[in-house]
């Protein structure tokens, strides 16, 4: 999850540099539209990462989030 956020952040930054600094054409270009899509995906993933993290850890904490996990009183 952290690697995905880092890759998308660096990709969005590199695309922004290429589309707004190196490309001097004014207006909307295909590269700028693609950069906007990557930026949107980056924001969505970075915002969702804290909520998705327990699901990717492989622990039982995800079941407690759903209210399906056993409590210590039920185990004994």
PDB file of N, CA and C in Angstrom:
ATOM      1  N   UNK A   1       0.829  -1.179   0.000  1.00  0.00           N
ATOM      2  CA  UNK A   1       0.000   0.000   0.000  1.00  0.00           C
ATOM      3  C   UNK A   1       0.879   1.250   0.000  1.00  0.00           C
ATOM      4  N   UNK A   2       1.894   1.230   0.825  1.00  0.00           N
ATOM      5  CA  UNK A   2       2.800   2.384   0.890  1.00  0.00           C
ATOM      6  C   UNK A   2       3.550   2.547  -0.423  1.00  0.00           C
ATOM      7  N   UNK A   3       3.980   1.447  -0.986  1.00  0.00           N
ATOM      8  CA  UNK A   3       4.687   1.506  -2.267  1.00  0.00           C
ATOM      9  C   UNK A   3       3.770   2.033  -3.373  1.00  0.00           C
ATOM     10  N   UNK A   4       2.530   1.609  -3.394  1.00  0.00           N
ATOM     11  CA  UNK A   4       1.577   2.098  -4.384  1.00  0.00           C
ATOM     12  C   UNK A   4       1.358   3.601  -4.265  1.00  0.00           C
ATOM     13  N   UNK A   5       1.225   4.088  -3.038  1.00  0.00           N
ATOM     14  CA  UNK A   5       1.080   5.534  -2.824  1.00  0.00           C
ATOM     15  C   UNK A   5       2.334   6.271  -3.291  1.00  0.00           C
ATOM     16  N   UNK A   6       3.499   5.728  -2.966  1.00  0.00           N
ATOM     17  CA  UNK A   6       4.747   6.393  -3.352  1.00  0.00           C
ATOM     18  C   UNK A   6       4.919   6.426  -4.869  1.00  0.00           C
ATOM     19  N   UNK A   7       4.599   5.320  -5.529  1.00  0.00           N
ATOM     20  CA  UNK A   7       4.735   5.268  -6.989  1.00  0.00           C
ATOM     21  C   UNK A   7       3.780   6.251  -7.653  1.00  0.00           C
ATOM     22  N   UNK A   8       2.527   6.282  -7.198  1.00  0.00           N
ATOM     23  CA  UNK A   8       1.572   7.207  -7.791  1.00  0.00           C
ATOM     24  C   UNK A   8       1.939   8.664  -7.509  1.00  0.00           C
ATOM     25  N   UNK A   9       2.447   8.945  -6.319  1.00  0.00           N
ATOM     26  CA  UNK A   9       2.868  10.315  -6.008  1.00  0.00           C
ATOM     27  C   UNK A   9       4.012  10.769  -6.904  1.00  0.00           C
ATOM     28  N   UNK A  10       5.008   9.920  -7.072  1.00  0.00           N
ATOM     29  CA  UNK A  10       6.134  10.304  -7.927  1.00  0.00           C
ATOM     30  C   UNK A  10       5.711  10.384  -9.394  1.00  0.00           C
ATOM     31  N   UNK A  11       4.810   9.499  -9.822  1.00  0.00           N
ATOM     32  CA  UNK A  11       4.326   9.544 -11.198  1.00  0.00           C
ATOM     33  C   UNK A  11       3.530  10.820 -11.453  1.00  0.00           C
ATOM     34  N   UNK A  12       2.665  11.189 -10.522  1.00  0.00           N
ATOM     35  CA  UNK A  12       1.888  12.417 -10.680  1.00  0.00           C
ATOM     36  C   UNK A  12       2.810  13.632 -10.710  1.00  0.00           C
ATOM     37  N   UNK A  13       3.830  13.636  -9.876  1.00  0.00           N
ATOM     38  CA  UNK A  13       4.790  14.741  -9.880  1.00  0.00           C
ATOM     39  C   UNK A  13       5.583  14.825 -11.168  1.00  0.00           C
ATOM     40  N   UNK A  14       6.033  13.687 -11.653  1.00  0.00           N
ATOM     41  CA  UNK A  14       6.797  13.670 -12.904  1.00  0.00           C
ATOM     42  C   UNK A  14       5.922  14.078 -14.090  1.00  0.00           C
ATOM     43  N   UNK A  15       4.675  13.612 -14.102  1.00  0.00           N
ATOM     44  CA  UNK A  15       3.761  14.006 -15.170  1.00  0.00           C
ATOM     45  C   UNK A  15       3.453  15.498 -15.115  1.00  0.00           C
ATOM     46  N   UNK A  16       3.291  16.033 -13.922  1.00  0.00           N
ATOM     47  CA  UNK A  16       3.036  17.473 -13.788  1.00  0.00           C
ATOM     48  C   UNK A  16       4.222  18.270 -14.313  1.00  0.00           C
ATOM     49  N   UNK A  17       5.417  17.851 -13.976  1.00  0.00           N
ATOM     50  CA  UNK A  17       6.617  18.533 -14.471  1.00  0.00           C
ATOM     51  C   UNK A  17       6.687  18.467 -15.999  1.00  0.00           C
ATOM     52  N   UNK A  18       6.443  17.295 -16.545  1.00  0.00           N
ATOM     53  CA  UNK A  18       6.530  17.127 -17.998  1.00  0.00           C
ATOM     54  C   UNK A  18       5.440  17.904 -18.728  1.00  0.00           C
ATOM     55  N   UNK A  19       4.251  17.960 -18.155  1.00  0.00           N
ATOM     56  CA  UNK A  19       3.132  18.589 -18.849  1.00  0.00           C
ATOM     57  C   UNK A  19       3.027  20.093 -18.637  1.00  0.00           C
ATOM     58  N   UNK A  20       3.553  20.612 -17.547  1.00  0.00           N
ATOM     59  CA  UNK A  20       3.407  22.038 -17.287  1.00  0.00           C
ATOM     60  C   UNK A  20       4.714  22.806 -17.380  1.00  0.00           C
ATOM     61  N   UNK A  21       5.851  22.146 -17.249  1.00  0.00           N
ATOM     62  CA  UNK A  21       7.142  22.837 -17.342  1.00  0.00           C
ATOM     63  C   UNK A  21       7.779  22.607 -18.707  1.00  0.00           C
ATOM     64  N   UNK A  22       7.847  21.365 -19.131  1.00  0.00           N
ATOM     65  CA  UNK A  22       8.510  21.054 -20.393  1.00  0.00           C
ATOM     66  C   UNK A  22       7.621  21.295 -21.613  1.00  0.00           C
ATOM     67  N   UNK A  23       6.331  21.077 -21.486  1.00  0.00           N
ATOM     68  CA  UNK A  23       5.402  21.274 -22.601  1.00  0.00           C
ATOM     69  C   UNK A  23       4.851  22.698 -22.524  1.00  0.00           C
ATOM     70  N   UNK A  24       5.223  23.529 -23.482  1.00  0.00           N
ATOM     71  CA  UNK A  24       4.854  24.946 -23.424  1.00  0.00           C
ATOM     72  C   UNK A  24       3.550  25.251 -24.162  1.00  0.00           C
ATOM     73  N   UNK A  25       2.907  24.240 -24.727  1.00  0.00           N
ATOM     74  CA  UNK A  25       1.652  24.485 -25.442  1.00  0.00           C
ATOM     75  C   UNK A  25       0.569  24.893 -24.443  1.00  0.00           C
ATOM     76  N   UNK A  26      -0.207  25.920 -24.765  1.00  0.00           N
ATOM     77  CA  UNK A  26      -1.286  26.328 -23.854  1.00  0.00           C
ATOM     78  C   UNK A  26      -2.513  25.428 -24.009  1.00  0.00           C
ATOM     79  N   UNK A  27      -3.360  25.470 -23.019  1.00  0.00           N
ATOM     80  CA  UNK A  27      -4.634  24.762 -23.104  1.00  0.00           C
ATOM     81  C   UNK A  27      -4.571  23.322 -22.645  1.00  0.00           C
ATOM     82  N   UNK A  28      -5.630  22.613 -22.968  1.00  0.00           N
ATOM     83  CA  UNK A  28      -5.780  21.218 -22.552  1.00  0.00           C
ATOM     84  C   UNK A  28      -5.153  20.322 -23.615  1.00  0.00           C
ATOM     85  N   UNK A  29      -4.261  19.453 -23.164  1.00  0.00           N
ATOM     86  CA  UNK A  29      -3.631  18.477 -24.049  1.00  0.00           C
ATOM     87  C   UNK A  29      -3.927  17.080 -23.512  1.00  0.00           C
ATOM     88  N   UNK A  30      -3.643  16.082 -24.312  1.00  0.00           N
ATOM     89  CA  UNK A  30      -3.869  14.700 -23.867  1.00  0.00           C
ATOM     90  C   UNK A  30      -3.013  14.371 -22.650  1.00  0.00           C
ATOM     91  N   UNK A  31      -1.804  14.880 -22.618  1.00  0.00           N
ATOM     92  CA  UNK A  31      -0.929  14.636 -21.477  1.00  0.00           C
ATOM     93  C   UNK A  31      -1.455  15.244 -20.194  1.00  0.00           C
ATOM     94  N   UNK A  32      -2.050  16.418 -20.299  1.00  0.00           N
ATOM     95  CA  UNK A  32      -2.600  17.082 -19.107  1.00  0.00           C
ATOM     96  C   UNK A  32      -3.851  16.381 -18.608  1.00  0.00           C
ATOM     97  N   UNK A  33      -4.633  15.841 -19.519  1.00  0.00           N
ATOM     98  CA  UNK A  33      -5.803  15.061 -19.100  1.00  0.00           C
ATOM     99  C   UNK A  33      -5.340  13.796 -18.383  1.00  0.00           C
ATOM    100  N   UNK A  34      -4.355  13.114 -18.944  1.00  0.00           N
ATOM    101  CA  UNK A  34      -3.803  11.919 -18.298  1.00  0.00           C
ATOM    102  C   UNK A  34      -3.191  12.231 -16.945  1.00  0.00           C
ATOM    103  N   UNK A  35      -2.531  13.361 -16.845  1.00  0.00           N
ATOM    104  CA  UNK A  35      -1.935  13.777 -15.571  1.00  0.00           C
ATOM    105  C   UNK A  35      -3.022  14.047 -14.539  1.00  0.00           C
ATOM    106  N   UNK A  36      -4.138  14.618 -14.959  1.00  0.00           N
ATOM    107  CA  UNK A  36      -5.247  14.863 -14.033  1.00  0.00           C
ATOM    108  C   UNK A  36      -5.849  13.553 -13.529  1.00  0.00           C
ATOM    109  N   UNK A  37      -5.934  12.556 -14.404  1.00  0.00           N
ATOM    110  CA  UNK A  37      -6.461  11.246 -13.997  1.00  0.00           C
ATOM    111  C   UNK A  37      -5.525  10.594 -12.982  1.00  0.00           C
ATOM    112  N   UNK A  38      -4.227  10.631 -13.243  1.00  0.00           N
ATOM    113  CA  UNK A  38      -3.246  10.053 -12.309  1.00  0.00           C
ATOM    114  C   UNK A  38      -3.282  10.778 -10.972  1.00  0.00           C
ATOM    115  N   UNK A  39      -3.420  12.093 -10.998  1.00  0.00           N
ATOM    116  CA  UNK A  39      -3.499  12.857  -9.756  1.00  0.00           C
ATOM    117  C   UNK A  39      -4.744  12.477  -8.965  1.00  0.00           C
ATOM    118  N   UNK A  40      -5.871  12.305  -9.647  1.00  0.00           N
ATOM    119  CA  UNK A  40      -7.101  11.884  -8.978  1.00  0.00           C
ATOM    120  C   UNK A  40      -6.937  10.501  -8.344  1.00  0.00           C
ATOM    121  N   UNK A  41      -6.366   9.560  -9.085  1.00  0.00           N
ATOM    122  CA  UNK A  41      -6.138   8.216  -8.537  1.00  0.00           C
ATOM    123  C   UNK A  41      -5.195   8.253  -7.333  1.00  0.00           C
ATOM    124  N   UNK A  42      -4.196   9.122  -7.402  1.00  0.00           N
ATOM    125  CA  UNK A  42      -3.263   9.277  -6.286  1.00  0.00           C
ATOM    126  C   UNK A  42      -3.985   9.765  -5.042  1.00  0.00           C
ATOM    127  N   UNK A  43      -4.820  10.768  -5.201  1.00  0.00           N
ATOM    128  CA  UNK A  43      -5.560  11.309  -4.054  1.00  0.00           C
ATOM    129  C   UNK A  43      -6.516  10.270  -3.467  1.00  0.00           C
ATOM    130  N   UNK A  44      -7.175   9.505  -4.330  1.00  0.00           N
ATOM    131  CA  UNK A  44      -8.107   8.477  -3.850  1.00  0.00           C
ATOM    132  C   UNK A  44      -7.363   7.390  -3.083  1.00  0.00           C
ATOM    133  N   UNK A  45      -6.246   6.914  -3.637  1.00  0.00           N
ATOM    134  CA  UNK A  45      -5.501   5.855  -2.960  1.00  0.00           C
ATOM    135  C   UNK A  45      -4.918   6.335  -1.643  1.00  0.00           C
ATOM    136  N   UNK A  46      -4.348   7.516  -1.614  1.00  0.00           N
ATOM    137  CA  UNK A  46      -3.758   8.036  -0.376  1.00  0.00           C
ATOM    138  C   UNK A  46      -4.830   8.307   0.679  1.00  0.00           C
ATOM    139  N   UNK A  47      -6.024   8.700   0.262  1.00  0.00           N
ATOM    140  CA  UNK A  47      -7.112   8.907   1.216  1.00  0.00           C
ATOM    141  C   UNK A  47      -7.674   7.584   1.728  1.00  0.00           C
ATOM    142  N   UNK A  48      -7.681   6.563   0.885  1.00  0.00           N
ATOM    143  CA  UNK A  48      -8.249   5.267   1.265  1.00  0.00           C
ATOM    144  C   UNK A  48      -7.241   4.359   1.968  1.00  0.00           C
ATOM    145  N   UNK A  49      -5.977   4.668   1.889  1.00  0.00           N
ATOM    146  CA  UNK A  49      -4.938   3.780   2.430  1.00  0.00           C
ATOM    147  C   UNK A  49      -5.110   3.470   3.916  1.00  0.00           C
ATOM    148  N   UNK A  50      -5.383   4.451   4.779  1.00  0.00           N
ATOM    149  CA  UNK A  50      -5.553   4.094   6.199  1.00  0.00           C
ATOM    150  C   UNK A  50      -6.723   3.142   6.449  1.00  0.00           C
ATOM    151  N   UNK A  51      -7.779   3.260   5.665  1.00  0.00           N
ATOM    152  CA  UNK A  51      -8.938   2.384   5.839  1.00  0.00           C
ATOM    153  C   UNK A  51      -8.668   0.979   5.284  1.00  0.00           C
ATOM    154  N   UNK A  52      -7.878   0.896   4.218  1.00  0.00           N
ATOM    155  CA  UNK A  52      -7.590  -0.392   3.582  1.00  0.00           C
ATOM    156  C   UNK A  52      -6.445  -1.148   4.248  1.00  0.00           C
ATOM    157  N   UNK A  53      -5.633  -0.462   5.024  1.00  0.00           N
ATOM    158  CA  UNK A  53      -4.435  -1.071   5.591  1.00  0.00           C
ATOM    159  C   UNK A  53      -4.717  -2.351   6.387  1.00  0.00           C
ATOM    160  N   UNK A  54      -5.729  -2.405   7.271  1.00  0.00           N
ATOM    161  CA  UNK A  54      -5.976  -3.660   8.010  1.00  0.00           C
ATOM    162  C   UNK A  54      -6.317  -4.836   7.094  1.00  0.00           C
ATOM    163  N   UNK A  55      -6.941  -4.587   5.961  1.00  0.00           N
ATOM    164  CA  UNK A  55      -7.296  -5.658   5.044  1.00  0.00           C
ATOM    165  C   UNK A  55      -6.065  -6.251   4.368  1.00  0.00           C
ATOM    166  N   UNK A  56      -5.025  -5.454   4.218  1.00  0.00           N
ATOM    167  CA  UNK A  56      -3.835  -5.931   3.530  1.00  0.00           C
ATOM    168  C   UNK A  56      -2.790  -6.492   4.483  1.00  0.00           C
ATOM    169  N   UNK A  57      -2.924  -6.223   5.763  1.00  0.00           N
ATOM    170  CA  UNK A  57      -1.955  -6.721   6.735  1.00  0.00           C
ATOM    171  C   UNK A  57      -2.073  -8.221   6.953  1.00  0.00           C
ATOM    172  N   UNK A  58      -3.244  -8.762   6.739  1.00  0.00           N
ATOM    173  CA  UNK A  58      -3.436 -10.194   6.933  1.00  0.00           C
ATOM    174  C   UNK A  58      -3.725 -10.555   8.373  1.00  0.00           C
ATOM    175  N   UNK A  59      -4.086  -9.592   9.193  1.00  0.00           N
ATOM    176  CA  UNK A  59      -4.367  -9.879  10.596  1.00  0.00           C
ATOM    177  C   UNK A  59      -5.867 -10.075  10.795  1.00  0.00           C
ATOM    178  N   UNK A  60      -6.221 -10.391  11.994  1.00  0.00           N
ATOM    179  CA  UNK A  60      -7.626 -10.590  12.309  1.00  0.00           C
ATOM    180  C   UNK A  60      -8.327  -9.284  12.637  1.00  0.00           C
ATOM    181  N   UNK A  61      -7.597  -8.189  12.608  1.00  0.00           N
ATOM    182  CA  UNK A  61      -8.207  -6.906  12.944  1.00  0.00           C
ATOM    183  C   UNK A  61      -9.303  -6.533  11.957  1.00  0.00           C
ATOM    184  N   UNK A  62      -9.228  -7.016  10.728  1.00  0.00           N
ATOM    185  CA  UNK A  62     -10.265  -6.691   9.750  1.00  0.00           C
ATOM    186  C   UNK A  62     -11.603  -7.289  10.158  1.00  0.00           C
ATOM    187  N   UNK A  63     -11.593  -8.432  10.837  1.00  0.00           N
ATOM    188  CA  UNK A  63     -12.845  -9.035  11.268  1.00  0.00           C
ATOM    189  C   UNK A  63     -13.437  -8.260  12.425  1.00  0.00           C
ATOM    190  N   UNK A  64     -12.585  -7.680  13.268  1.00  0.00           N
ATOM    191  CA  UNK A  64     -13.104  -6.862  14.351  1.00  0.00           C
ATOM    192  C   UNK A  64     -13.734  -5.585  13.814  1.00  0.00           C
ATOM    193  N   UNK A  65     -13.219  -5.077  12.700  1.00  0.00           N
ATOM    194  CA  UNK A  65     -13.808  -3.890  12.094  1.00  0.00           C
ATOM    195  C   UNK A  65     -15.240  -4.192  11.648  1.00  0.00           C
ATOM    196  N   UNK A  66     -15.459  -5.379  11.128  1.00  0.00           N
ATOM    197  CA  UNK A  66     -16.785  -5.772  10.660  1.00  0.00           C
ATOM    198  C   UNK A  66     -17.675  -6.301  11.779  1.00  0.00           C
ATOM    199  N   UNK A  67     -17.115  -6.475  12.969  1.00  0.00           N
ATOM    200  CA  UNK A  67     -17.895  -6.991  14.076  1.00  0.00           C
ATOM    201  C   UNK A  67     -18.078  -8.488  14.035  1.00  0.00           C
ATOM    202  N   UNK A  68     -17.219  -9.197  13.288  1.00  0.00           N
ATOM    203  CA  UNK A  68     -17.357 -10.650  13.154  1.00  0.00           C
ATOM    204  C   UNK A  68     -16.300 -11.414  13.930  1.00  0.00           C
ATOM    205  N   UNK A  69     -15.353 -10.720  14.487  1.00  0.00           N
ATOM    206  CA  UNK A  69     -14.268 -11.396  15.188  1.00  0.00           C
ATOM    207  C   UNK A  69     -14.701 -11.871  16.548  1.00  0.00           C
ATOM    208  N   UNK A  70     -14.004 -12.856  17.054  1.00  0.00           N
ATOM    209  CA  UNK A  70     -14.286 -13.365  18.378  1.00  0.00           C
ATOM    210  C   UNK A  70     -13.635 -12.485  19.418  1.00  0.00           C
ATOM    211  N   UNK A  71     -14.337 -12.239  20.461  1.00  0.00           N
ATOM    212  CA  UNK A  71     -13.724 -11.526  21.580  1.00  0.00           C
ATOM    213  C   UNK A  71     -13.019 -12.557  22.459  1.00  0.00           C
ATOM    214  N   UNK A  72     -12.217 -12.095  23.392  1.00  0.00           N
ATOM    215  CA  UNK A  72     -11.486 -13.011  24.270  1.00  0.00           C
ATOM    216  C   UNK A  72     -12.433 -13.828  25.138  1.00  0.00           C
ATOM    217  N   UNK A  73     -13.578 -13.271  25.475  1.00  0.00           N
ATOM    218  CA  UNK A  73     -14.550 -13.996  26.310  1.00  0.00           C
ATOM    219  C   UNK A  73     -15.159 -15.167  25.509  1.00  0.00           C
ATOM    220  N   UNK A  74     -15.320 -15.030  24.221  1.00  0.00           N
ATOM    221  CA  UNK A  74     -15.922 -16.091  23.416  1.00  0.00           C
ATOM    222  C   UNK A  74     -14.951 -17.230  23.154  1.00  0.00           C
ATOM    223  N   UNK A  75     -13.658 -16.959  23.161  1.00  0.00           N
ATOM    224  CA  UNK A  75     -12.663 -17.961  22.845  1.00  0.00           C
ATOM    225  C   UNK A  75     -12.535 -18.985  23.956  1.00  0.00           C
ATOM    226  N   UNK A  76     -12.611 -18.547  25.200  1.00  0.00           N
ATOM    227  CA  UNK A  76     -12.389 -19.479  26.332  1.00  0.00           C
ATOM    228  C   UNK A  76     -13.546 -20.353  26.640  1.00  0.00           C
TER     229      UNK A  76
END
